[in-house]
Amino acid sequence: MPHDQLWKQLLWAFFRDFMVLFFEDVARELDFDTAELLDKEHFTDLPTGKRRELDLVVKVHTRDGTPELILVHVEVQRRRTAGMSERMWEYYSMLRLRHRVPVFPVVVYLSPGAGGLRQETVEDLLFGRVVHRFSYAVVGLPDLPAERFLETPSALGPALSALMRSSGLTRVEHKLRALKRLARSDVDEARQSLLVHVVGTYLRLSASEESALERVMSHPSHEEAREMVNIYEQRALKKGIQQGIEQGVAEGLLQGQRRVLVNLLARRFGPVPPEIIARIEAITDSERLDELATRVLDARSLEEMGI
């Protein structure tokens, strides 16, 4: 699975978990049942004319309505590069102008040196005066402690620990613990496959380490981890699991759209009858769901929605 596609699917499939893991104070303010993925958000890079597609932009209502609606924008970068702050400011400005709502910007770094969890601030100075100040959140995964995230209630933590530093575990022990945590998680098969794919991609073992892992997993107490390898990694090699993952995540995106539509209808017209919910659950066209969500703004009754 391509790098950008993997992270977009991962962050959307586990959007709530991502926000709770790294920005718990912000997560408490958000109504995740209303979260909507703004797919294909892109801009033209003004100096170069290059078309840039943003990694993840999610529109979500707040719990107390102050403000009523915000965007969460997440960019995933393999490494720190010069000019990233300027790019984030450009994306922020364009999103703010396009959607006219507050934006919470985040950069996730996949290589060491970003400093873990922190805030990055840049200033424009003119004649010794600060004329502009812009801040965005940074998640430097390789600078975070793997042991802490291996034990989080969310299955996303153990998966992302594959990119983190460990002071007390060997790589074999780290991978074994991550696989066992994922095996015991209560997420559905498609999302579990996505998480195992992350562990396999970013916690690669040498041939000797793989042999050591196989020996350890031969013990009956590690049967769950062995199942993860047998069911997902071996199947991925022999039959190709990518299509199943993508179809599962695509269905997850549709389900998210259906949930948002039902919530919007309830906010506008009150309790939604079961027969209307059943018709919405039967819709498999993403564009149709988008059209209905937009229609909520103008419809005067449920009947006018035409569902």
C-alpha atoms as a PDB file:
ATOM      1  CA  MET A   1       0.000   0.000   0.000  1.00  0.00           C
ATOM      2  CA  PRO A   2       1.463   3.439  -0.928  1.00  0.00           C
ATOM      3  CA  HIS A   3       2.793   5.480   2.003  1.00  0.00           C
ATOM      4  CA  ASP A   4       0.373   8.429   1.675  1.00  0.00           C
ATOM      5  CA  GLN A   5      -2.634   6.170   1.179  1.00  0.00           C
ATOM      6  CA  LEU A   6      -1.724   4.051   4.216  1.00  0.00           C
ATOM      7  CA  TRP A   7      -1.559   7.059   6.544  1.00  0.00           C
ATOM      8  CA  LYS A   8      -4.696   8.687   5.196  1.00  0.00           C
ATOM      9  CA  GLN A   9      -6.667   5.479   5.708  1.00  0.00           C
ATOM     10  CA  LEU A  10      -5.122   4.893   9.126  1.00  0.00           C
ATOM     11  CA  LEU A  11      -5.753   8.390  10.478  1.00  0.00           C
ATOM     12  CA  TRP A  12      -9.328   8.495   9.217  1.00  0.00           C
ATOM     13  CA  ALA A  13     -10.179   4.972  10.397  1.00  0.00           C
ATOM     14  CA  PHE A  14      -8.774   5.839  13.850  1.00  0.00           C
ATOM     15  CA  PHE A  15      -9.423   9.583  13.909  1.00  0.00           C
ATOM     16  CA  ARG A  16     -11.006   9.604  17.377  1.00  0.00           C
ATOM     17  CA  ASP A  17      -8.218   7.383  18.766  1.00  0.00           C
ATOM     18  CA  PHE A  18      -5.513   9.603  17.249  1.00  0.00           C
ATOM     19  CA  MET A  19      -6.956  12.735  18.810  1.00  0.00           C
ATOM     20  CA  VAL A  20      -7.447  11.076  22.225  1.00  0.00           C
ATOM     21  CA  LEU A  21      -3.915   9.623  22.212  1.00  0.00           C
ATOM     22  CA  PHE A  22      -2.102  12.865  21.422  1.00  0.00           C
ATOM     23  CA  PHE A  23      -4.532  15.749  22.054  1.00  0.00           C
ATOM     24  CA  GLU A  24      -6.844  14.622  24.831  1.00  0.00           C
ATOM     25  CA  ASP A  25      -7.818  18.190  25.772  1.00  0.00           C
ATOM     26  CA  VAL A  26      -8.928  18.927  22.194  1.00  0.00           C
ATOM     27  CA  ALA A  27     -10.646  15.541  21.841  1.00  0.00           C
ATOM     28  CA  ARG A  28     -12.853  16.314  24.854  1.00  0.00           C
ATOM     29  CA  GLU A  29     -14.275  19.281  22.947  1.00  0.00           C
ATOM     30  CA  LEU A  30     -15.200  17.355  19.774  1.00  0.00           C
ATOM     31  CA  ASP A  31     -18.368  15.493  18.812  1.00  0.00           C
ATOM     32  CA  PHE A  32     -16.798  12.616  16.885  1.00  0.00           C
ATOM     33  CA  ASP A  33     -20.175  11.312  15.738  1.00  0.00           C
ATOM     34  CA  THR A  34     -20.302  14.291  13.364  1.00  0.00           C
ATOM     35  CA  ALA A  35     -16.786  13.820  11.933  1.00  0.00           C
ATOM     36  CA  GLU A  36     -16.692  14.042   8.140  1.00  0.00           C
ATOM     37  CA  LEU A  37     -13.681  13.396   5.939  1.00  0.00           C
ATOM     38  CA  LEU A  38     -13.077  16.178   3.405  1.00  0.00           C
ATOM     39  CA  ASP A  39     -11.498  14.066   0.699  1.00  0.00           C
ATOM     40  CA  LYS A  40      -9.310  15.478  -2.064  1.00  0.00           C
ATOM     41  CA  GLU A  41      -8.650  18.828  -0.371  1.00  0.00           C
ATOM     42  CA  HIS A  42      -5.932  20.324  -2.547  1.00  0.00           C
ATOM     43  CA  PHE A  43      -4.308  23.650  -3.389  1.00  0.00           C
ATOM     44  CA  THR A  44      -1.946  25.019  -5.979  1.00  0.00           C
ATOM     45  CA  ASP A  45       1.500  25.880  -4.641  1.00  0.00           C
ATOM     46  CA  LEU A  46       1.676  29.531  -5.635  1.00  0.00           C
ATOM     47  CA  PRO A  47       5.461  29.893  -6.160  1.00  0.00           C
ATOM     48  CA  THR A  48       5.874  26.652  -8.143  1.00  0.00           C
ATOM     49  CA  GLY A  49       2.396  25.961  -9.465  1.00  0.00           C
ATOM     50  CA  LYS A  50       2.584  22.396  -8.109  1.00  0.00           C
ATOM     51  CA  ARG A  51      -0.710  20.801  -7.091  1.00  0.00           C
ATOM     52  CA  ARG A  52      -0.623  19.727  -3.437  1.00  0.00           C
ATOM     53  CA  GLU A  53      -3.179  17.353  -1.898  1.00  0.00           C
ATOM     54  CA  LEU A  54      -3.531  17.529   1.867  1.00  0.00           C
ATOM     55  CA  ASP A  55      -3.112  14.277   3.786  1.00  0.00           C
ATOM     56  CA  LEU A  56      -6.152  14.501   6.061  1.00  0.00           C
ATOM     57  CA  VAL A  57      -8.792  17.169   6.631  1.00  0.00           C
ATOM     58  CA  VAL A  58     -11.731  16.347   8.905  1.00  0.00           C
ATOM     59  CA  LYS A  59     -14.740  18.572   9.567  1.00  0.00           C
ATOM     60  CA  VAL A  60     -16.209  18.033  13.042  1.00  0.00           C
ATOM     61  CA  HIS A  61     -18.703  19.771  15.330  1.00  0.00           C
ATOM     62  CA  THR A  62     -17.806  20.734  18.875  1.00  0.00           C
ATOM     63  CA  ARG A  63     -19.724  19.487  21.898  1.00  0.00           C
ATOM     64  CA  ASP A  64     -20.756  22.863  23.315  1.00  0.00           C
ATOM     65  CA  GLY A  65     -21.029  24.743  20.026  1.00  0.00           C
ATOM     66  CA  THR A  66     -18.245  27.243  20.735  1.00  0.00           C
ATOM     67  CA  PRO A  67     -17.160  27.331  17.982  1.00  0.00           C
ATOM     68  CA  GLU A  68     -19.848  25.208  16.337  1.00  0.00           C
ATOM     69  CA  LEU A  69     -17.551  23.637  13.733  1.00  0.00           C
ATOM     70  CA  ILE A  70     -13.806  23.201  13.208  1.00  0.00           C
ATOM     71  CA  LEU A  71     -11.402  21.498  10.812  1.00  0.00           C
ATOM     72  CA  VAL A  72      -8.608  19.186  11.938  1.00  0.00           C
ATOM     73  CA  HIS A  73      -5.770  19.160   9.389  1.00  0.00           C
ATOM     74  CA  VAL A  74      -3.023  16.505   9.676  1.00  0.00           C
ATOM     75  CA  GLU A  75       0.065  16.278   7.480  1.00  0.00           C
ATOM     76  CA  VAL A  76       2.353  13.226   7.674  1.00  0.00           C
ATOM     77  CA  GLN A  77       6.034  13.786   6.863  1.00  0.00           C
ATOM     78  CA  ARG A  78       8.783  11.184   6.570  1.00  0.00           C
ATOM     79  CA  ARG A  79      11.345  13.704   7.863  1.00  0.00           C
ATOM     80  CA  ARG A  80      11.732  17.338   8.897  1.00  0.00           C
ATOM     81  CA  THR A  81      12.374  19.605   5.919  1.00  0.00           C
ATOM     82  CA  ALA A  82      13.086  23.290   5.500  1.00  0.00           C
ATOM     83  CA  GLY A  83       9.977  25.291   4.753  1.00  0.00           C
ATOM     84  CA  MET A  84       7.488  22.995   6.525  1.00  0.00           C
ATOM     85  CA  SER A  85       6.314  25.809   8.795  1.00  0.00           C
ATOM     86  CA  GLU A  86       5.622  28.003   5.781  1.00  0.00           C
ATOM     87  CA  ARG A  87       3.722  25.187   4.078  1.00  0.00           C
ATOM     88  CA  MET A  88       1.592  24.610   7.171  1.00  0.00           C
ATOM     89  CA  TRP A  89       0.818  28.325   7.354  1.00  0.00           C
ATOM     90  CA  GLU A  90      -0.206  28.334   3.682  1.00  0.00           C
ATOM     91  CA  TYR A  91      -2.461  25.294   4.181  1.00  0.00           C
ATOM     92  CA  TYR A  92      -3.959  26.855   7.312  1.00  0.00           C
ATOM     93  CA  SER A  93      -4.671  30.135   5.543  1.00  0.00           C
ATOM     94  CA  MET A  94      -6.243  28.480   2.515  1.00  0.00           C
ATOM     95  CA  LEU A  95      -8.413  26.139   4.610  1.00  0.00           C
ATOM     96  CA  ARG A  96      -9.509  29.060   6.800  1.00  0.00           C
ATOM     97  CA  LEU A  97     -10.456  31.154   3.789  1.00  0.00           C
ATOM     98  CA  ARG A  98     -12.141  28.293   1.941  1.00  0.00           C
ATOM     99  CA  HIS A  99     -14.246  26.947   4.825  1.00  0.00           C
ATOM    100  CA  ARG A 100     -14.504  29.987   7.127  1.00  0.00           C
ATOM    101  CA  VAL A 101     -14.100  27.911  10.315  1.00  0.00           C
ATOM    102  CA  PRO A 102     -11.223  27.505  12.825  1.00  0.00           C
ATOM    103  CA  VAL A 103      -8.490  24.992  11.941  1.00  0.00           C
ATOM    104  CA  PHE A 104      -6.444  22.759  14.260  1.00  0.00           C
ATOM    105  CA  PRO A 105      -3.206  21.959  12.329  1.00  0.00           C
ATOM    106  CA  VAL A 106      -0.956  18.970  13.103  1.00  0.00           C
ATOM    107  CA  VAL A 107       2.253  17.554  11.592  1.00  0.00           C
ATOM    108  CA  VAL A 108       3.174  13.916  12.240  1.00  0.00           C
ATOM    109  CA  TYR A 109       6.873  13.131  11.682  1.00  0.00           C
ATOM    110  CA  LEU A 110       8.067   9.584  10.999  1.00  0.00           C
ATOM    111  CA  SER A 111      11.797  10.192  11.558  1.00  0.00           C
ATOM    112  CA  PRO A 112      13.649  11.188  14.760  1.00  0.00           C
ATOM    113  CA  GLY A 113      14.467  14.748  15.734  1.00  0.00           C
ATOM    114  CA  ALA A 114      11.028  16.388  15.914  1.00  0.00           C
ATOM    115  CA  GLY A 115      11.002  16.274  19.702  1.00  0.00           C
ATOM    116  CA  GLY A 116       7.970  14.107  20.445  1.00  0.00           C
ATOM    117  CA  LEU A 117       4.795  16.002  21.347  1.00  0.00           C
ATOM    118  CA  ARG A 118       5.208  19.758  21.192  1.00  0.00           C
ATOM    119  CA  GLN A 119       3.996  23.003  19.682  1.00  0.00           C
ATOM    120  CA  GLU A 120       5.936  24.730  16.918  1.00  0.00           C
ATOM    121  CA  THR A 121       5.592  28.499  16.536  1.00  0.00           C
ATOM    122  CA  VAL A 122       6.903  30.739  13.779  1.00  0.00           C
ATOM    123  CA  GLU A 123       6.877  34.526  13.679  1.00  0.00           C
ATOM    124  CA  ASP A 124       7.141  37.167  10.988  1.00  0.00           C
ATOM    125  CA  LEU A 125       9.045  40.229  12.151  1.00  0.00           C
ATOM    126  CA  LEU A 126       8.982  43.663  10.564  1.00  0.00           C
ATOM    127  CA  PHE A 127      11.073  46.526  11.949  1.00  0.00           C
ATOM    128  CA  GLY A 128      11.483  44.597  15.171  1.00  0.00           C
ATOM    129  CA  ARG A 129       7.744  44.050  15.549  1.00  0.00           C
ATOM    130  CA  VAL A 130       5.886  40.736  15.443  1.00  0.00           C
ATOM    131  CA  VAL A 131       3.358  41.166  12.638  1.00  0.00           C
ATOM    132  CA  HIS A 132       2.306  37.530  12.487  1.00  0.00           C
ATOM    133  CA  ARG A 133       2.583  34.477  14.767  1.00  0.00           C
ATOM    134  CA  PHE A 134       1.458  30.967  13.763  1.00  0.00           C
ATOM    135  CA  SER A 135       1.515  27.751  15.809  1.00  0.00           C
ATOM    136  CA  TYR A 136       0.808  24.127  14.967  1.00  0.00           C
ATOM    137  CA  ALA A 137       1.035  20.847  16.868  1.00  0.00           C
ATOM    138  CA  VAL A 138       3.852  18.370  16.232  1.00  0.00           C
ATOM    139  CA  VAL A 139       3.783  14.604  16.842  1.00  0.00           C
ATOM    140  CA  GLY A 140       7.302  13.229  16.438  1.00  0.00           C
ATOM    141  CA  LEU A 141       6.558   9.506  16.673  1.00  0.00           C
ATOM    142  CA  PRO A 142      10.183   8.188  16.831  1.00  0.00           C
ATOM    143  CA  ASP A 143      10.917  10.446  19.831  1.00  0.00           C
ATOM    144  CA  LEU A 144       8.066   9.022  21.924  1.00  0.00           C
ATOM    145  CA  PRO A 145       8.398   6.066  24.367  1.00  0.00           C
ATOM    146  CA  ALA A 146       7.069   2.850  22.829  1.00  0.00           C
ATOM    147  CA  GLU A 147       6.398   1.236  26.229  1.00  0.00           C
ATOM    148  CA  ARG A 148       3.832   3.904  27.108  1.00  0.00           C
ATOM    149  CA  PHE A 149       1.853   3.468  23.885  1.00  0.00           C
ATOM    150  CA  LEU A 150       1.980  -0.328  23.931  1.00  0.00           C
ATOM    151  CA  GLU A 151      -0.359  -0.182  26.925  1.00  0.00           C
ATOM    152  CA  THR A 152      -2.954   2.344  25.727  1.00  0.00           C
ATOM    153  CA  PRO A 153      -6.640   1.285  25.682  1.00  0.00           C
ATOM    154  CA  SER A 154      -6.765   2.155  21.982  1.00  0.00           C
ATOM    155  CA  ALA A 155      -5.322  -0.374  19.524  1.00  0.00           C
ATOM    156  CA  LEU A 156      -3.803   2.542  17.615  1.00  0.00           C
ATOM    157  CA  GLY A 157      -1.196   3.043  20.353  1.00  0.00           C
ATOM    158  CA  PRO A 158       0.456  -0.406  19.997  1.00  0.00           C
ATOM    159  CA  ALA A 159       0.449  -0.059  16.196  1.00  0.00           C
ATOM    160  CA  LEU A 160       2.092   3.390  16.237  1.00  0.00           C
ATOM    161  CA  SER A 161       4.610   2.161  18.807  1.00  0.00           C
ATOM    162  CA  ALA A 162       6.267   0.404  15.847  1.00  0.00           C
ATOM    163  CA  LEU A 163       7.731   3.813  14.949  1.00  0.00           C
ATOM    164  CA  MET A 164       8.725   4.764  18.517  1.00  0.00           C
ATOM    165  CA  ARG A 165      11.902   4.307  20.533  1.00  0.00           C
ATOM    166  CA  SER A 166      12.140   1.595  23.167  1.00  0.00           C
ATOM    167  CA  SER A 167      14.592   1.725  26.046  1.00  0.00           C
ATOM    168  CA  GLY A 168      13.756  -1.565  27.723  1.00  0.00           C
ATOM    169  CA  LEU A 169      12.635  -3.906  24.942  1.00  0.00           C
ATOM    170  CA  THR A 170      14.453  -5.678  22.159  1.00  0.00           C
ATOM    171  CA  ARG A 171      12.939  -5.315  18.700  1.00  0.00           C
ATOM    172  CA  VAL A 172      11.701  -8.903  18.901  1.00  0.00           C
ATOM    173  CA  GLU A 173      10.009  -8.281  22.270  1.00  0.00           C
ATOM    174  CA  HIS A 174       8.549  -5.023  20.967  1.00  0.00           C
ATOM    175  CA  LYS A 175       6.973  -6.646  17.914  1.00  0.00           C
ATOM    176  CA  LEU A 176       5.661  -9.569  19.950  1.00  0.00           C
ATOM    177  CA  ARG A 177       3.964  -7.267  22.466  1.00  0.00           C
ATOM    178  CA  ALA A 178       2.458  -5.115  19.699  1.00  0.00           C
ATOM    179  CA  LEU A 179       1.016  -8.152  17.902  1.00  0.00           C
ATOM    180  CA  LYS A 180      -0.424  -9.569  21.125  1.00  0.00           C
ATOM    181  CA  ARG A 181      -2.109  -6.249  21.946  1.00  0.00           C
ATOM    182  CA  LEU A 182      -3.623  -6.072  18.470  1.00  0.00           C
ATOM    183  CA  ALA A 183      -4.825  -9.667  18.716  1.00  0.00           C
ATOM    184  CA  ARG A 184      -6.733  -8.793  21.900  1.00  0.00           C
ATOM    185  CA  SER A 185      -8.235  -5.573  20.524  1.00  0.00           C
ATOM    186  CA  ASP A 186     -11.940  -5.342  19.783  1.00  0.00           C
ATOM    187  CA  VAL A 187     -11.615  -3.583  16.408  1.00  0.00           C
ATOM    188  CA  ASP A 188     -13.115  -5.156  13.296  1.00  0.00           C
ATOM    189  CA  GLU A 189     -11.049  -7.320  10.966  1.00  0.00           C
ATOM    190  CA  ALA A 190     -10.461  -4.636   8.319  1.00  0.00           C
ATOM    191  CA  ARG A 191      -9.116  -2.120  10.815  1.00  0.00           C
ATOM    192  CA  GLN A 192      -7.132  -4.793  12.631  1.00  0.00           C
ATOM    193  CA  SER A 193      -5.508  -5.667   9.299  1.00  0.00           C
ATOM    194  CA  LEU A 194      -4.599  -2.033   8.797  1.00  0.00           C
ATOM    195  CA  LEU A 195      -2.916  -1.879  12.210  1.00  0.00           C
ATOM    196  CA  VAL A 196      -0.961  -5.095  11.637  1.00  0.00           C
ATOM    197  CA  HIS A 197       0.140  -3.680   8.294  1.00  0.00           C
ATOM    198  CA  VAL A 198       1.569  -0.641  10.117  1.00  0.00           C
ATOM    199  CA  VAL A 199       3.497  -2.856  12.546  1.00  0.00           C
ATOM    200  CA  GLY A 200       4.863  -4.967   9.689  1.00  0.00           C
ATOM    201  CA  THR A 201       5.852  -1.905   7.668  1.00  0.00           C
ATOM    202  CA  TYR A 202       7.605   0.120  10.372  1.00  0.00           C
ATOM    203  CA  LEU A 203       8.942  -2.535  12.766  1.00  0.00           C
ATOM    204  CA  ARG A 204      10.980  -4.578  10.312  1.00  0.00           C
ATOM    205  CA  LEU A 205      13.213  -7.277  11.776  1.00  0.00           C
ATOM    206  CA  SER A 206      16.420  -8.731  10.412  1.00  0.00           C
ATOM    207  CA  ALA A 207      16.459 -12.363   9.306  1.00  0.00           C
ATOM    208  CA  SER A 208      17.972 -13.445  12.616  1.00  0.00           C
ATOM    209  CA  GLU A 209      15.397 -11.393  14.562  1.00  0.00           C
ATOM    210  CA  GLU A 210      12.554 -12.931  12.536  1.00  0.00           C
ATOM    211  CA  SER A 211      13.890 -16.388  13.373  1.00  0.00           C
ATOM    212  CA  ALA A 212      14.035 -15.432  17.038  1.00  0.00           C
ATOM    213  CA  LEU A 213      10.459 -14.137  16.887  1.00  0.00           C
ATOM    214  CA  GLU A 214       9.256 -17.377  15.306  1.00  0.00           C
ATOM    215  CA  ARG A 215      10.949 -19.391  18.044  1.00  0.00           C
ATOM    216  CA  VAL A 216       9.360 -17.278  20.770  1.00  0.00           C
ATOM    217  CA  MET A 217       5.913 -17.470  19.177  1.00  0.00           C
ATOM    218  CA  SER A 218       6.099 -21.264  19.063  1.00  0.00           C
ATOM    219  CA  HIS A 219       5.352 -21.222  22.816  1.00  0.00           C
ATOM    220  CA  PRO A 220       1.637 -21.818  23.564  1.00  0.00           C
ATOM    221  CA  SER A 221       1.421 -18.598  25.613  1.00  0.00           C
ATOM    222  CA  HIS A 222       2.041 -16.575  22.436  1.00  0.00           C
ATOM    223  CA  GLU A 223      -0.604 -18.251  20.283  1.00  0.00           C
ATOM    224  CA  GLU A 224      -2.478 -14.951  19.795  1.00  0.00           C
ATOM    225  CA  ALA A 225       0.565 -13.242  18.293  1.00  0.00           C
ATOM    226  CA  ARG A 226       1.229 -16.247  16.079  1.00  0.00           C
ATOM    227  CA  GLU A 227      -2.368 -16.040  14.832  1.00  0.00           C
ATOM    228  CA  MET A 228      -1.791 -12.404  13.872  1.00  0.00           C
ATOM    229  CA  VAL A 229       1.209 -13.401  11.784  1.00  0.00           C
ATOM    230  CA  ASN A 230      -0.484 -16.449  10.287  1.00  0.00           C
ATOM    231  CA  ILE A 231      -3.748 -14.748   9.454  1.00  0.00           C
ATOM    232  CA  TYR A 232      -2.448 -11.393   8.245  1.00  0.00           C
ATOM    233  CA  GLU A 233       1.228 -11.348   7.332  1.00  0.00           C
ATOM    234  CA  GLN A 234       1.356 -14.758   5.647  1.00  0.00           C
ATOM    235  CA  ARG A 235      -1.925 -14.170   3.844  1.00  0.00           C
ATOM    236  CA  ALA A 236      -0.608 -10.789   2.680  1.00  0.00           C
ATOM    237  CA  LEU A 237       2.432 -12.505   1.186  1.00  0.00           C
ATOM    238  CA  LYS A 238       0.594 -15.431  -0.429  1.00  0.00           C
ATOM    239  CA  LYS A 239      -2.793 -14.091  -1.485  1.00  0.00           C
ATOM    240  CA  GLY A 240      -2.600 -10.318  -1.036  1.00  0.00           C
ATOM    241  CA  ILE A 241      -4.649  -8.750   1.678  1.00  0.00           C
ATOM    242  CA  GLN A 242      -4.451  -5.192   0.368  1.00  0.00           C
ATOM    243  CA  GLN A 243      -7.750  -5.357  -1.496  1.00  0.00           C
ATOM    244  CA  GLY A 244      -9.568  -6.602   1.578  1.00  0.00           C
ATOM    245  CA  ILE A 245      -8.112  -3.822   3.719  1.00  0.00           C
ATOM    246  CA  GLU A 246      -9.032  -1.132   1.213  1.00  0.00           C
ATOM    247  CA  GLN A 247     -12.575  -2.454   0.789  1.00  0.00           C
ATOM    248  CA  GLY A 248     -13.029  -2.657   4.545  1.00  0.00           C
ATOM    249  CA  VAL A 249     -11.783   0.893   5.129  1.00  0.00           C
ATOM    250  CA  ALA A 250     -13.913   2.167   2.211  1.00  0.00           C
ATOM    251  CA  GLU A 251     -16.979   0.642   3.878  1.00  0.00           C
ATOM    252  CA  GLY A 252     -15.893   2.307   7.112  1.00  0.00           C
ATOM    253  CA  LEU A 253     -15.830   5.680   5.342  1.00  0.00           C
ATOM    254  CA  LEU A 254     -19.355   5.080   3.995  1.00  0.00           C
ATOM    255  CA  GLN A 255     -20.551   4.136   7.462  1.00  0.00           C
ATOM    256  CA  GLY A 256     -19.080   7.371   8.789  1.00  0.00           C
ATOM    257  CA  GLN A 257     -20.986   9.359   6.152  1.00  0.00           C
ATOM    258  CA  ARG A 258     -24.222   7.556   7.064  1.00  0.00           C
ATOM    259  CA  ARG A 259     -23.682   8.315  10.765  1.00  0.00           C
ATOM    260  CA  VAL A 260     -23.029  12.000  10.052  1.00  0.00           C
ATOM    261  CA  LEU A 261     -26.193  12.247   7.925  1.00  0.00           C
ATOM    262  CA  VAL A 262     -28.373  10.689  10.641  1.00  0.00           C
ATOM    263  CA  ASN A 263     -26.881  13.042  13.249  1.00  0.00           C
ATOM    264  CA  LEU A 264     -27.474  16.087  11.052  1.00  0.00           C
ATOM    265  CA  LEU A 265     -31.094  15.038  10.452  1.00  0.00           C
ATOM    266  CA  ALA A 266     -31.639  14.552  14.181  1.00  0.00           C
ATOM    267  CA  ARG A 267     -30.196  17.983  14.961  1.00  0.00           C
ATOM    268  CA  ARG A 268     -32.418  19.633  12.341  1.00  0.00           C
ATOM    269  CA  PHE A 269     -35.689  17.705  12.619  1.00  0.00           C
ATOM    270  CA  GLY A 270     -35.571  15.755  15.881  1.00  0.00           C
ATOM    271  CA  PRO A 271     -35.535  11.946  16.314  1.00  0.00           C
ATOM    272  CA  VAL A 272     -35.088  10.124  12.999  1.00  0.00           C
ATOM    273  CA  PRO A 273     -37.629   7.311  12.381  1.00  0.00           C
ATOM    274  CA  PRO A 274     -36.180   3.784  12.133  1.00  0.00           C
ATOM    275  CA  GLU A 275     -37.406   3.369   8.558  1.00  0.00           C
ATOM    276  CA  ILE A 276     -35.437   6.470   7.470  1.00  0.00           C
ATOM    277  CA  ILE A 277     -32.311   5.175   9.227  1.00  0.00           C
ATOM    278  CA  ALA A 278     -32.760   1.826   7.453  1.00  0.00           C
ATOM    279  CA  ARG A 279     -32.944   3.567   4.057  1.00  0.00           C
ATOM    280  CA  ILE A 280     -29.781   5.569   4.847  1.00  0.00           C
ATOM    281  CA  GLU A 281     -27.951   2.372   5.891  1.00  0.00           C
ATOM    282  CA  ALA A 282     -28.840   0.880   2.497  1.00  0.00           C
ATOM    283  CA  ILE A 283     -27.173   3.723   0.541  1.00  0.00           C
ATOM    284  CA  THR A 284     -23.800   2.627  -0.901  1.00  0.00           C
ATOM    285  CA  ASP A 285     -23.093   5.711  -3.035  1.00  0.00           C
ATOM    286  CA  SER A 286     -20.733   8.170  -1.315  1.00  0.00           C
ATOM    287  CA  GLU A 287     -21.807  11.058  -3.568  1.00  0.00           C
ATOM    288  CA  ARG A 288     -25.464  10.407  -2.764  1.00  0.00           C
ATOM    289  CA  LEU A 289     -24.719  10.610   0.967  1.00  0.00           C
ATOM    290  CA  ASP A 290     -22.817  13.883   0.439  1.00  0.00           C
ATOM    291  CA  GLU A 291     -25.753  15.281  -1.537  1.00  0.00           C
ATOM    292  CA  LEU A 292     -28.218  14.410   1.232  1.00  0.00           C
ATOM    293  CA  ALA A 293     -25.963  15.914   3.908  1.00  0.00           C
ATOM    294  CA  THR A 294     -25.869  19.181   1.944  1.00  0.00           C
ATOM    295  CA  ARG A 295     -29.651  19.107   1.425  1.00  0.00           C
ATOM    296  CA  VAL A 296     -30.222  19.139   5.214  1.00  0.00           C
ATOM    297  CA  LEU A 297     -29.300  22.830   5.229  1.00  0.00           C
ATOM    298  CA  ASP A 298     -32.240  23.806   2.990  1.00  0.00           C
ATOM    299  CA  ALA A 299     -34.914  21.163   3.619  1.00  0.00           C
ATOM    300  CA  ARG A 300     -37.851  22.211   5.802  1.00  0.00           C
ATOM    301  CA  SER A 301     -38.882  18.683   6.789  1.00  0.00           C
ATOM    302  CA  LEU A 302     -37.779  15.068   6.619  1.00  0.00           C
ATOM    303  CA  GLU A 303     -40.215  14.554   3.781  1.00  0.00           C
ATOM    304  CA  GLU A 304     -38.421  17.174   1.697  1.00  0.00           C
ATOM    305  CA  MET A 305     -35.172  15.230   2.071  1.00  0.00           C
ATOM    306  CA  GLY A 306     -36.517  12.591  -0.327  1.00  0.00           C
ATOM    307  CA  ILE A 307     -34.922   9.665   1.467  1.00  0.00           C
END
